[in-house]
Amino acid sequence: MDAYDEGPKTRAGADGPPGDSAGDGAAGAGAGPDGAVGDAPASERAVGDHAEPDTAVRGDAEPDTVARGDLGPGELNAPSAPGGPGDPAPGGPGGPLAPGGPGPGQPRGATAGIAALPLRSQVAAAFALAVVAVVTFVHLGMVFLHVAPSNTMTKQHGRAIDDWIYPEFEQNWKLFAPNPLQQNISVQVRALVRTPDGTSRETGWYDLSALDGEAIEGNLLPSHTQQNELRRAWDYYVGTHDSKNRPVGLRGDLSERYLRRIAVMRLAREHAGGAGAVVERVQMRSSSTNVPAPEWSEEKVPDKPVVRELPWWIVPDSDREGGLTEASAR
């Protein structure tokens, strides 16, 4: 009978209020000097078959209000200081990332940017950045010397500056000049073609400037080639040749080849000479007409066109490849 009586007392002491002998004995196994629950394992704190390990001692208390072994009664609900017991470490699981730390999905201590690359890749990236910086500095310096007034640098190194600037980076200030362009210039071309039956004949004049004007008129977004390709090519040629069409400087031959290729391309587009015709020679000319003076002006300007005719140019096979022959065969 003593064995059967001891069971209920032990359970009553564990589940009952503090003060029972059996309850004091059970609590004493995992309690500190103040009676607060210590660090005893959950298996030791749980008493009875129906008690949960986390609720045997804590009951329904919230995680932040669980009694701690070293805290007094007035400190049970006080928030823990950073780094204290139960507070997650910064950057650890559940804690905020440290300022400047790795991003999500990166291991702690990982770096970003060029520093994260291997040593060889870092050297290559640094070298590429240095080259870009040097080229940018040189280009800006060349452009500045090109547009700057004549000085010692431009007098001694003018040839090198011009070779760098022309023709891709030429600076044109005619829009803001005191005397802007006051002429309408029309560029025309004709060709000597060889027909499929072996005969040669000369075509009429094709007004290339008028064709570009028709393509631009009514077009809300005209292409750059329609607006400037022919005009800039002609200006480039005139600026590198004298009045007798003799090249001046090293860029004369380049401007001639550039203008000739444009002419062959435009002739192919217009199917000059008919199907199967091959362009053997081309000749170009310009017709310049002064813009009439306004009615209120007393200035008198001639209205007669000024024609500049260039010599016949032989068209090499390289200019015809993919050009007139294929376009005429369509």
C-alpha atoms as a PDB file:
ATOM      1  CA  MET A   1       0.000   0.000   0.000  1.00  0.00           C
ATOM      2  CA  ASP A   2       2.926   2.352   0.712  1.00  0.00           C
ATOM      3  CA  ALA A   3       4.088   1.996  -2.867  1.00  0.00           C
ATOM      4  CA  TYR A   4       0.648   2.865  -4.225  1.00  0.00           C
ATOM      5  CA  ASP A   5       0.336   5.844  -1.854  1.00  0.00           C
ATOM      6  CA  GLU A   6       3.729   7.304  -2.880  1.00  0.00           C
ATOM      7  CA  GLY A   7       2.804   7.671  -6.559  1.00  0.00           C
ATOM      8  CA  PRO A   8      -0.054  10.152  -6.118  1.00  0.00           C
ATOM      9  CA  LYS A   9       1.918  12.177  -3.617  1.00  0.00           C
ATOM     10  CA  THR A  10       4.812  12.494  -5.960  1.00  0.00           C
ATOM     11  CA  ARG A  11       2.575  13.565  -8.835  1.00  0.00           C
ATOM     12  CA  ALA A  12       0.654  15.933  -6.638  1.00  0.00           C
ATOM     13  CA  GLY A  13       3.840  17.479  -5.438  1.00  0.00           C
ATOM     14  CA  ALA A  14       5.153  17.971  -8.958  1.00  0.00           C
ATOM     15  CA  ASP A  15       1.979  19.354 -10.447  1.00  0.00           C
ATOM     16  CA  GLY A  16       0.673  21.062  -7.378  1.00  0.00           C
ATOM     17  CA  PRO A  17       1.622  24.402  -5.866  1.00  0.00           C
ATOM     18  CA  PRO A  18       5.077  25.019  -4.439  1.00  0.00           C
ATOM     19  CA  GLY A  19       5.432  23.981  -0.840  1.00  0.00           C
ATOM     20  CA  ASP A  20       4.564  20.309  -0.987  1.00  0.00           C
ATOM     21  CA  SER A  21       7.362  18.064   0.072  1.00  0.00           C
ATOM     22  CA  ALA A  22       7.305  16.004  -3.061  1.00  0.00           C
ATOM     23  CA  GLY A  23       7.015  19.142  -5.200  1.00  0.00           C
ATOM     24  CA  ASP A  24       9.944  20.794  -3.406  1.00  0.00           C
ATOM     25  CA  GLY A  25      12.067  17.771  -3.987  1.00  0.00           C
ATOM     26  CA  ALA A  26      11.276  17.696  -7.694  1.00  0.00           C
ATOM     27  CA  ALA A  27      11.858  21.389  -8.148  1.00  0.00           C
ATOM     28  CA  GLY A  28      15.050  21.328  -6.151  1.00  0.00           C
ATOM     29  CA  ALA A  29      16.706  19.091  -8.663  1.00  0.00           C
ATOM     30  CA  GLY A  30      16.645  21.849 -11.314  1.00  0.00           C
ATOM     31  CA  ALA A  31      16.289  25.097  -9.350  1.00  0.00           C
ATOM     32  CA  GLY A  32      18.826  27.637  -8.257  1.00  0.00           C
ATOM     33  CA  PRO A  33      19.175  29.361  -4.928  1.00  0.00           C
ATOM     34  CA  ASP A  34      16.297  31.735  -5.654  1.00  0.00           C
ATOM     35  CA  GLY A  35      13.941  29.026  -6.781  1.00  0.00           C
ATOM     36  CA  ALA A  36      14.126  30.108 -10.421  1.00  0.00           C
ATOM     37  CA  VAL A  37      14.544  27.540 -13.102  1.00  0.00           C
ATOM     38  CA  GLY A  38      18.210  27.030 -14.019  1.00  0.00           C
ATOM     39  CA  ASP A  39      19.908  25.386 -16.954  1.00  0.00           C
ATOM     40  CA  ALA A  40      18.675  21.867 -16.309  1.00  0.00           C
ATOM     41  CA  PRO A  41      17.998  19.843 -19.466  1.00  0.00           C
ATOM     42  CA  ALA A  42      14.472  19.633 -20.731  1.00  0.00           C
ATOM     43  CA  SER A  43      14.352  15.897 -19.896  1.00  0.00           C
ATOM     44  CA  GLU A  44      14.992  16.730 -16.225  1.00  0.00           C
ATOM     45  CA  ARG A  45      12.539  19.639 -16.111  1.00  0.00           C
ATOM     46  CA  ALA A  46       9.685  17.642 -17.606  1.00  0.00           C
ATOM     47  CA  VAL A  47       7.781  15.720 -14.924  1.00  0.00           C
ATOM     48  CA  GLY A  48       4.872  13.418 -15.675  1.00  0.00           C
ATOM     49  CA  ASP A  49       3.754  11.588 -18.752  1.00  0.00           C
ATOM     50  CA  HIS A  50       1.600  14.421 -20.123  1.00  0.00           C
ATOM     51  CA  ALA A  51       3.969  17.383 -19.545  1.00  0.00           C
ATOM     52  CA  GLU A  52       5.744  18.926 -22.555  1.00  0.00           C
ATOM     53  CA  PRO A  53       9.472  19.611 -22.157  1.00  0.00           C
ATOM     54  CA  ASP A  54       9.080  23.314 -22.915  1.00  0.00           C
ATOM     55  CA  THR A  55       5.919  23.864 -20.905  1.00  0.00           C
ATOM     56  CA  ALA A  56       6.600  21.838 -17.809  1.00  0.00           C
ATOM     57  CA  VAL A  57       8.367  24.741 -16.167  1.00  0.00           C
ATOM     58  CA  ARG A  58       7.647  27.668 -18.474  1.00  0.00           C
ATOM     59  CA  GLY A  59       3.949  27.070 -18.884  1.00  0.00           C
ATOM     60  CA  ASP A  60       2.327  29.537 -21.339  1.00  0.00           C
ATOM     61  CA  ALA A  61       4.914  32.248 -20.882  1.00  0.00           C
ATOM     62  CA  GLU A  62       6.150  34.103 -23.959  1.00  0.00           C
ATOM     63  CA  PRO A  63       9.763  33.418 -25.051  1.00  0.00           C
ATOM     64  CA  ASP A  64      10.865  36.894 -23.966  1.00  0.00           C
ATOM     65  CA  THR A  65       9.421  36.509 -20.444  1.00  0.00           C
ATOM     66  CA  VAL A  66      10.908  33.132 -19.539  1.00  0.00           C
ATOM     67  CA  ALA A  67      12.574  33.273 -16.161  1.00  0.00           C
ATOM     68  CA  ARG A  68      16.336  32.982 -16.255  1.00  0.00           C
ATOM     69  CA  GLY A  69      18.420  31.479 -13.537  1.00  0.00           C
ATOM     70  CA  ASP A  70      20.550  34.576 -12.896  1.00  0.00           C
ATOM     71  CA  LEU A  71      17.769  37.233 -13.044  1.00  0.00           C
ATOM     72  CA  GLY A  72      15.784  38.540 -10.163  1.00  0.00           C
ATOM     73  CA  PRO A  73      11.994  38.793 -10.024  1.00  0.00           C
ATOM     74  CA  GLY A  74      11.998  42.364 -11.339  1.00  0.00           C
ATOM     75  CA  GLU A  75      14.178  41.526 -14.316  1.00  0.00           C
ATOM     76  CA  LEU A  76      12.147  38.728 -15.830  1.00  0.00           C
ATOM     77  CA  ASN A  77      10.539  40.858 -18.526  1.00  0.00           C
ATOM     78  CA  ALA A  78      13.505  43.195 -19.143  1.00  0.00           C
ATOM     79  CA  PRO A  79      14.925  42.997 -22.688  1.00  0.00           C
ATOM     80  CA  SER A  80      18.363  41.516 -22.854  1.00  0.00           C
ATOM     81  CA  ALA A  81      21.267  43.748 -23.743  1.00  0.00           C
ATOM     82  CA  PRO A  82      22.979  43.237 -27.081  1.00  0.00           C
ATOM     83  CA  GLY A  83      25.284  40.315 -26.784  1.00  0.00           C
ATOM     84  CA  GLY A  84      23.576  39.039 -23.663  1.00  0.00           C
ATOM     85  CA  PRO A  85      22.078  35.601 -23.084  1.00  0.00           C
ATOM     86  CA  GLY A  86      19.494  34.662 -25.683  1.00  0.00           C
ATOM     87  CA  ASP A  87      20.367  37.592 -27.968  1.00  0.00           C
ATOM     88  CA  PRO A  88      21.517  36.505 -31.453  1.00  0.00           C
ATOM     89  CA  ALA A  89      24.950  37.647 -32.456  1.00  0.00           C
ATOM     90  CA  PRO A  90      25.103  40.353 -35.162  1.00  0.00           C
ATOM     91  CA  GLY A  91      25.547  38.704 -38.515  1.00  0.00           C
ATOM     92  CA  GLY A  92      24.763  35.270 -37.082  1.00  0.00           C
ATOM     93  CA  PRO A  93      21.686  33.141 -37.682  1.00  0.00           C
ATOM     94  CA  GLY A  94      18.645  35.295 -37.092  1.00  0.00           C
ATOM     95  CA  GLY A  95      20.666  38.458 -36.526  1.00  0.00           C
ATOM     96  CA  PRO A  96      21.088  41.503 -38.766  1.00  0.00           C
ATOM     97  CA  LEU A  97      23.974  41.702 -41.213  1.00  0.00           C
ATOM     98  CA  ALA A  98      26.898  43.787 -40.133  1.00  0.00           C
ATOM     99  CA  PRO A  99      27.370  47.062 -42.089  1.00  0.00           C
ATOM    100  CA  GLY A 100      29.425  46.380 -45.199  1.00  0.00           C
ATOM    101  CA  GLY A 101      29.102  42.645 -44.796  1.00  0.00           C
ATOM    102  CA  PRO A 102      28.316  40.120 -47.520  1.00  0.00           C
ATOM    103  CA  GLY A 103      24.962  40.221 -49.232  1.00  0.00           C
ATOM    104  CA  PRO A 104      22.299  37.527 -49.127  1.00  0.00           C
ATOM    105  CA  GLY A 105      23.568  34.205 -50.362  1.00  0.00           C
ATOM    106  CA  GLN A 106      27.237  35.137 -49.879  1.00  0.00           C
ATOM    107  CA  PRO A 107      29.491  33.585 -47.262  1.00  0.00           C
ATOM    108  CA  ARG A 108      30.738  35.726 -44.451  1.00  0.00           C
ATOM    109  CA  GLY A 109      33.919  37.583 -45.325  1.00  0.00           C
ATOM    110  CA  ALA A 110      33.189  37.517 -49.103  1.00  0.00           C
ATOM    111  CA  THR A 111      34.232  40.588 -51.127  1.00  0.00           C
ATOM    112  CA  ALA A 112      32.554  42.186 -54.145  1.00  0.00           C
ATOM    113  CA  GLY A 113      33.684  43.988 -57.284  1.00  0.00           C
ATOM    114  CA  ILE A 114      37.123  43.669 -58.824  1.00  0.00           C
ATOM    115  CA  ALA A 115      38.574  42.544 -55.493  1.00  0.00           C
ATOM    116  CA  ALA A 116      36.507  39.350 -55.726  1.00  0.00           C
ATOM    117  CA  LEU A 117      38.191  38.338 -59.012  1.00  0.00           C
ATOM    118  CA  PRO A 118      41.264  36.140 -59.232  1.00  0.00           C
ATOM    119  CA  LEU A 119      44.639  37.877 -59.304  1.00  0.00           C
ATOM    120  CA  ARG A 120      45.078  37.541 -63.076  1.00  0.00           C
ATOM    121  CA  SER A 121      41.607  38.941 -63.716  1.00  0.00           C
ATOM    122  CA  GLN A 122      42.323  41.840 -61.371  1.00  0.00           C
ATOM    123  CA  VAL A 123      45.500  42.668 -63.274  1.00  0.00           C
ATOM    124  CA  ALA A 124      43.676  42.461 -66.633  1.00  0.00           C
ATOM    125  CA  ALA A 125      40.816  44.677 -65.398  1.00  0.00           C
ATOM    126  CA  ALA A 126      43.236  47.239 -63.978  1.00  0.00           C
ATOM    127  CA  PHE A 127      45.197  47.287 -67.236  1.00  0.00           C
ATOM    128  CA  ALA A 128      41.995  47.756 -69.301  1.00  0.00           C
ATOM    129  CA  LEU A 129      40.875  50.642 -67.096  1.00  0.00           C
ATOM    130  CA  ALA A 130      44.300  52.263 -67.402  1.00  0.00           C
ATOM    131  CA  VAL A 131      44.222  51.990 -71.211  1.00  0.00           C
ATOM    132  CA  VAL A 132      40.726  53.518 -71.375  1.00  0.00           C
ATOM    133  CA  ALA A 133      41.790  56.359 -69.097  1.00  0.00           C
ATOM    134  CA  VAL A 134      44.911  57.102 -71.166  1.00  0.00           C
ATOM    135  CA  VAL A 135      43.035  57.026 -74.501  1.00  0.00           C
ATOM    136  CA  THR A 136      40.319  59.285 -73.100  1.00  0.00           C
ATOM    137  CA  PHE A 137      42.890  61.752 -71.790  1.00  0.00           C
ATOM    138  CA  VAL A 138      44.766  61.810 -75.101  1.00  0.00           C
ATOM    139  CA  HIS A 139      41.567  62.243 -77.144  1.00  0.00           C
ATOM    140  CA  LEU A 140      40.329  65.139 -75.023  1.00  0.00           C
ATOM    141  CA  GLY A 141      43.748  66.776 -75.285  1.00  0.00           C
ATOM    142  CA  MET A 142      43.811  66.396 -79.076  1.00  0.00           C
ATOM    143  CA  VAL A 143      40.323  67.863 -79.451  1.00  0.00           C
ATOM    144  CA  PHE A 144      41.242  70.778 -77.210  1.00  0.00           C
ATOM    145  CA  LEU A 145      44.390  71.540 -79.223  1.00  0.00           C
ATOM    146  CA  HIS A 146      42.411  71.215 -82.464  1.00  0.00           C
ATOM    147  CA  VAL A 147      39.815  73.841 -81.500  1.00  0.00           C
ATOM    148  CA  ALA A 148      42.178  76.064 -79.532  1.00  0.00           C
ATOM    149  CA  PRO A 149      43.780  79.143 -81.109  1.00  0.00           C
ATOM    150  CA  SER A 150      47.138  78.697 -82.758  1.00  0.00           C
ATOM    151  CA  ASN A 151      49.877  78.139 -80.193  1.00  0.00           C
ATOM    152  CA  THR A 152      53.297  76.544 -79.852  1.00  0.00           C
ATOM    153  CA  MET A 153      51.899  73.023 -79.494  1.00  0.00           C
ATOM    154  CA  THR A 154      49.714  73.268 -82.588  1.00  0.00           C
ATOM    155  CA  LYS A 155      52.558  74.757 -84.614  1.00  0.00           C
ATOM    156  CA  GLN A 156      55.007  72.011 -83.697  1.00  0.00           C
ATOM    157  CA  HIS A 157      52.591  69.056 -83.643  1.00  0.00           C
ATOM    158  CA  GLY A 158      49.808  70.219 -85.948  1.00  0.00           C
ATOM    159  CA  ARG A 159      50.347  67.282 -88.307  1.00  0.00           C
ATOM    160  CA  ALA A 160      49.868  64.704 -85.547  1.00  0.00           C
ATOM    161  CA  ILE A 161      46.783  66.531 -84.238  1.00  0.00           C
ATOM    162  CA  ASP A 162      45.165  66.595 -87.687  1.00  0.00           C
ATOM    163  CA  ASP A 163      45.916  62.904 -88.246  1.00  0.00           C
ATOM    164  CA  TRP A 164      44.153  62.098 -84.983  1.00  0.00           C
ATOM    165  CA  ILE A 165      41.116  64.335 -85.547  1.00  0.00           C
ATOM    166  CA  TYR A 166      40.331  63.850 -89.237  1.00  0.00           C
ATOM    167  CA  PRO A 167      37.997  62.617 -90.509  1.00  0.00           C
ATOM    168  CA  GLU A 168      36.021  60.982 -87.678  1.00  0.00           C
ATOM    169  CA  PHE A 169      36.372  63.677 -84.984  1.00  0.00           C
ATOM    170  CA  GLU A 170      36.353  66.834 -87.055  1.00  0.00           C
ATOM    171  CA  GLN A 171      34.901  69.859 -85.262  1.00  0.00           C
ATOM    172  CA  ASN A 172      32.710  72.078 -87.447  1.00  0.00           C
ATOM    173  CA  TRP A 173      31.880  75.535 -86.117  1.00  0.00           C
ATOM    174  CA  LYS A 174      30.150  76.861 -89.240  1.00  0.00           C
ATOM    175  CA  LEU A 175      26.767  76.930 -87.524  1.00  0.00           C
ATOM    176  CA  PHE A 176      28.006  79.630 -85.124  1.00  0.00           C
ATOM    177  CA  ALA A 177      30.286  81.432 -87.606  1.00  0.00           C
ATOM    178  CA  PRO A 178      29.557  85.068 -88.490  1.00  0.00           C
ATOM    179  CA  ASN A 179      29.101  84.047 -92.129  1.00  0.00           C
ATOM    180  CA  PRO A 180      27.330  80.679 -92.286  1.00  0.00           C
ATOM    181  CA  LEU A 181      26.910  78.759 -95.521  1.00  0.00           C
ATOM    182  CA  GLN A 182      24.806  80.717 -97.966  1.00  0.00           C
ATOM    183  CA  GLN A 183      24.761  78.312-100.897  1.00  0.00           C
ATOM    184  CA  ASN A 184      22.679  75.402-102.027  1.00  0.00           C
ATOM    185  CA  ILE A 185      25.031  72.696-103.307  1.00  0.00           C
ATOM    186  CA  SER A 186      23.770  69.863-105.486  1.00  0.00           C
ATOM    187  CA  VAL A 187      26.064  66.862-106.104  1.00  0.00           C
ATOM    188  CA  GLN A 188      25.511  64.893-109.311  1.00  0.00           C
ATOM    189  CA  VAL A 189      27.121  61.827-110.902  1.00  0.00           C
ATOM    190  CA  ARG A 190      27.124  59.996-114.218  1.00  0.00           C
ATOM    191  CA  ALA A 191      28.741  56.735-115.268  1.00  0.00           C
ATOM    192  CA  LEU A 192      30.310  54.946-118.175  1.00  0.00           C
ATOM    193  CA  VAL A 193      28.870  51.432-118.105  1.00  0.00           C
ATOM    194  CA  ARG A 194      29.472  48.216-120.028  1.00  0.00           C
ATOM    195  CA  THR A 195      26.286  46.396-120.983  1.00  0.00           C
ATOM    196  CA  PRO A 196      25.939  42.593-121.122  1.00  0.00           C
ATOM    197  CA  ASP A 197      26.355  42.613-124.944  1.00  0.00           C
ATOM    198  CA  GLY A 198      29.831  44.158-124.546  1.00  0.00           C
ATOM    199  CA  THR A 199      29.040  47.712-125.609  1.00  0.00           C
ATOM    200  CA  SER A 200      29.823  50.774-123.521  1.00  0.00           C
ATOM    201  CA  ARG A 201      27.593  53.745-123.093  1.00  0.00           C
ATOM    202  CA  GLU A 202      27.371  56.850-120.956  1.00  0.00           C
ATOM    203  CA  THR A 203      24.455  57.461-118.604  1.00  0.00           C
ATOM    204  CA  GLY A 204      22.839  60.787-117.848  1.00  0.00           C
ATOM    205  CA  TRP A 205      23.433  62.861-114.725  1.00  0.00           C
ATOM    206  CA  TYR A 206      21.876  61.598-111.493  1.00  0.00           C
ATOM    207  CA  ASP A 207      21.142  64.338-108.967  1.00  0.00           C
ATOM    208  CA  LEU A 208      22.134  62.546-105.746  1.00  0.00           C
ATOM    209  CA  SER A 209      21.338  65.546-103.533  1.00  0.00           C
ATOM    210  CA  ALA A 210      17.816  65.735-104.932  1.00  0.00           C
ATOM    211  CA  LEU A 211      17.309  62.030-104.284  1.00  0.00           C
ATOM    212  CA  ASP A 212      18.373  62.494-100.664  1.00  0.00           C
ATOM    213  CA  GLY A 213      16.016  65.469-100.364  1.00  0.00           C
ATOM    214  CA  GLU A 214      13.093  63.373-101.576  1.00  0.00           C
ATOM    215  CA  ALA A 215      13.904  60.671 -99.019  1.00  0.00           C
ATOM    216  CA  ILE A 216      14.047  63.229 -96.184  1.00  0.00           C
ATOM    217  CA  GLU A 217      10.931  65.201 -97.099  1.00  0.00           C
ATOM    218  CA  GLY A 218       7.963  63.996 -95.064  1.00  0.00           C
ATOM    219  CA  ASN A 219      10.123  61.580 -93.080  1.00  0.00           C
ATOM    220  CA  LEU A 220       9.839  62.213 -89.344  1.00  0.00           C
ATOM    221  CA  LEU A 221      12.972  60.195 -88.587  1.00  0.00           C
ATOM    222  CA  PRO A 222      15.353  60.449 -91.555  1.00  0.00           C
ATOM    223  CA  SER A 223      18.567  58.476 -91.363  1.00  0.00           C
ATOM    224  CA  HIS A 224      21.958  60.050 -90.821  1.00  0.00           C
ATOM    225  CA  THR A 225      23.154  58.827 -94.222  1.00  0.00           C
ATOM    226  CA  GLN A 226      20.280  60.541 -95.993  1.00  0.00           C
ATOM    227  CA  GLN A 227      21.038  63.828 -94.289  1.00  0.00           C
ATOM    228  CA  ASN A 228      24.815  64.017 -94.056  1.00  0.00           C
ATOM    229  CA  GLU A 229      26.690  61.222 -95.836  1.00  0.00           C
ATOM    230  CA  LEU A 230      26.854  62.790 -99.310  1.00  0.00           C
ATOM    231  CA  ARG A 231      27.197  66.373 -98.050  1.00  0.00           C
ATOM    232  CA  ARG A 232      30.027  65.564 -95.676  1.00  0.00           C
ATOM    233  CA  ALA A 233      31.810  63.431 -98.295  1.00  0.00           C
ATOM    234  CA  TRP A 234      31.719  66.324-100.773  1.00  0.00           C
ATOM    235  CA  ASP A 235      32.929  68.832 -98.158  1.00  0.00           C
ATOM    236  CA  TYR A 236      35.718  66.411 -97.256  1.00  0.00           C
ATOM    237  CA  TYR A 237      36.821  66.170-100.883  1.00  0.00           C
ATOM    238  CA  VAL A 238      36.703  69.944-101.487  1.00  0.00           C
ATOM    239  CA  GLY A 239      38.689  70.589 -98.311  1.00  0.00           C
ATOM    240  CA  THR A 240      41.490  68.222 -99.378  1.00  0.00           C
ATOM    241  CA  HIS A 241      41.833  69.342-103.039  1.00  0.00           C
ATOM    242  CA  ASP A 242      42.689  72.607-104.699  1.00  0.00           C
ATOM    243  CA  SER A 243      40.679  74.360-107.418  1.00  0.00           C
ATOM    244  CA  LYS A 244      42.287  72.108-110.054  1.00  0.00           C
ATOM    245  CA  ASN A 245      41.242  68.941-108.206  1.00  0.00           C
ATOM    246  CA  ARG A 246      44.778  68.126-107.111  1.00  0.00           C
ATOM    247  CA  PRO A 247      45.063  66.481-103.670  1.00  0.00           C
ATOM    248  CA  VAL A 248      46.508  68.532-100.853  1.00  0.00           C
ATOM    249  CA  GLY A 249      48.044  66.483 -98.040  1.00  0.00           C
ATOM    250  CA  LEU A 250      47.736  62.812 -97.250  1.00  0.00           C
ATOM    251  CA  ARG A 251      43.952  62.841 -96.935  1.00  0.00           C
ATOM    252  CA  GLY A 252      43.335  63.721-100.593  1.00  0.00           C
ATOM    253  CA  ASP A 253      43.463  60.136-101.856  1.00  0.00           C
ATOM    254  CA  LEU A 254      41.295  58.932 -98.977  1.00  0.00           C
ATOM    255  CA  SER A 255      38.582  61.527 -99.668  1.00  0.00           C
ATOM    256  CA  GLU A 256      38.583  60.615-103.384  1.00  0.00           C
ATOM    257  CA  ARG A 257      38.116  56.899-102.719  1.00  0.00           C
ATOM    258  CA  TYR A 258      35.386  57.617-100.171  1.00  0.00           C
ATOM    259  CA  LEU A 259      33.423  59.840-102.569  1.00  0.00           C
ATOM    260  CA  ARG A 260      33.844  57.373-105.445  1.00  0.00           C
ATOM    261  CA  ARG A 261      32.458  54.478-103.414  1.00  0.00           C
ATOM    262  CA  ILE A 262      29.418  56.512-102.424  1.00  0.00           C
ATOM    263  CA  ALA A 263      28.805  57.313-106.095  1.00  0.00           C
ATOM    264  CA  VAL A 264      29.030  53.651-107.141  1.00  0.00           C
ATOM    265  CA  MET A 265      26.687  52.626-104.332  1.00  0.00           C
ATOM    266  CA  ARG A 266      24.101  55.253-105.316  1.00  0.00           C
ATOM    267  CA  LEU A 267      24.313  54.279-108.993  1.00  0.00           C
ATOM    268  CA  ALA A 268      23.665  50.664-108.046  1.00  0.00           C
ATOM    269  CA  ARG A 269      20.626  51.743-106.080  1.00  0.00           C
ATOM    270  CA  GLU A 270      19.257  53.551-109.150  1.00  0.00           C
ATOM    271  CA  HIS A 271      20.070  50.605-111.486  1.00  0.00           C
ATOM    272  CA  ALA A 272      22.172  52.811-113.736  1.00  0.00           C
ATOM    273  CA  GLY A 273      22.775  51.273-117.176  1.00  0.00           C
ATOM    274  CA  GLY A 274      20.048  48.657-116.798  1.00  0.00           C
ATOM    275  CA  ALA A 275      20.172  45.028-115.705  1.00  0.00           C
ATOM    276  CA  GLY A 276      23.603  43.419-115.872  1.00  0.00           C
ATOM    277  CA  ALA A 277      25.456  46.671-116.585  1.00  0.00           C
ATOM    278  CA  VAL A 278      28.885  47.150-115.000  1.00  0.00           C
ATOM    279  CA  VAL A 279      30.179  50.579-114.028  1.00  0.00           C
ATOM    280  CA  GLU A 280      33.651  51.174-115.441  1.00  0.00           C
ATOM    281  CA  ARG A 281      34.074  54.920-114.798  1.00  0.00           C
ATOM    282  CA  VAL A 282      32.267  57.635-112.861  1.00  0.00           C
ATOM    283  CA  GLN A 283      32.345  61.407-113.016  1.00  0.00           C
ATOM    284  CA  MET A 284      30.964  63.802-110.424  1.00  0.00           C
ATOM    285  CA  ARG A 285      30.163  67.486-110.382  1.00  0.00           C
ATOM    286  CA  SER A 286      28.575  70.043-108.105  1.00  0.00           C
ATOM    287  CA  SER A 287      26.217  72.902-108.839  1.00  0.00           C
ATOM    288  CA  SER A 288      26.335  75.722-106.269  1.00  0.00           C
ATOM    289  CA  THR A 289      23.654  78.414-106.187  1.00  0.00           C
ATOM    290  CA  ASN A 290      23.670  81.375-103.833  1.00  0.00           C
ATOM    291  CA  VAL A 291      20.757  81.778-101.461  1.00  0.00           C
ATOM    292  CA  PRO A 292      18.804  84.922-102.483  1.00  0.00           C
ATOM    293  CA  ALA A 293      19.138  87.908-100.176  1.00  0.00           C
ATOM    294  CA  PRO A 294      16.058  88.891 -98.147  1.00  0.00           C
ATOM    295  CA  GLU A 295      13.772  91.576 -99.545  1.00  0.00           C
ATOM    296  CA  TRP A 296      14.751  94.142 -96.952  1.00  0.00           C
ATOM    297  CA  SER A 297      18.475  93.719 -97.736  1.00  0.00           C
ATOM    298  CA  GLU A 298      20.288  95.793-100.342  1.00  0.00           C
ATOM    299  CA  GLU A 299      22.894  93.057-100.861  1.00  0.00           C
ATOM    300  CA  LYS A 300      23.263  91.862-104.409  1.00  0.00           C
ATOM    301  CA  VAL A 301      24.305  88.241-104.951  1.00  0.00           C
ATOM    302  CA  PRO A 302      24.657  86.451-108.285  1.00  0.00           C
ATOM    303  CA  ASP A 303      22.022  83.847-108.971  1.00  0.00           C
ATOM    304  CA  LYS A 304      23.919  81.959-111.661  1.00  0.00           C
ATOM    305  CA  PRO A 305      24.936  78.425-110.624  1.00  0.00           C
ATOM    306  CA  VAL A 306      28.638  77.672-110.328  1.00  0.00           C
ATOM    307  CA  VAL A 307      29.536  74.225-111.641  1.00  0.00           C
ATOM    308  CA  ARG A 308      32.609  72.274-110.535  1.00  0.00           C
ATOM    309  CA  GLU A 309      33.247  69.169-112.601  1.00  0.00           C
ATOM    310  CA  LEU A 310      35.646  66.472-111.515  1.00  0.00           C
ATOM    311  CA  PRO A 311      37.631  64.217-113.847  1.00  0.00           C
ATOM    312  CA  TRP A 312      36.574  60.695-114.765  1.00  0.00           C
ATOM    313  CA  TRP A 313      37.550  58.096-112.190  1.00  0.00           C
ATOM    314  CA  ILE A 314      38.210  54.458-112.985  1.00  0.00           C
ATOM    315  CA  VAL A 315      36.159  52.176-110.753  1.00  0.00           C
ATOM    316  CA  PRO A 316      38.250  49.268-109.401  1.00  0.00           C
ATOM    317  CA  ASP A 317      36.762  45.834-108.881  1.00  0.00           C
ATOM    318  CA  SER A 318      36.823  46.302-105.096  1.00  0.00           C
ATOM    319  CA  ASP A 319      34.278  49.145-105.380  1.00  0.00           C
ATOM    320  CA  ARG A 320      31.957  47.027-107.503  1.00  0.00           C
ATOM    321  CA  GLU A 321      31.942  43.971-105.260  1.00  0.00           C
ATOM    322  CA  GLY A 322      28.468  43.576-103.830  1.00  0.00           C
ATOM    323  CA  GLY A 323      27.439  46.831-105.484  1.00  0.00           C
ATOM    324  CA  LEU A 324      26.092  47.654-108.899  1.00  0.00           C
ATOM    325  CA  THR A 325      26.319  44.205-110.492  1.00  0.00           C
ATOM    326  CA  GLU A 326      24.179  42.512-107.827  1.00  0.00           C
ATOM    327  CA  ALA A 327      21.715  45.400-107.563  1.00  0.00           C
ATOM    328  CA  SER A 328      21.225  45.555-111.350  1.00  0.00           C
ATOM    329  CA  ALA A 329      20.643  41.810-111.577  1.00  0.00           C
ATOM    330  CA  ARG A 330      17.648  41.944-109.240  1.00  0.00           C
END
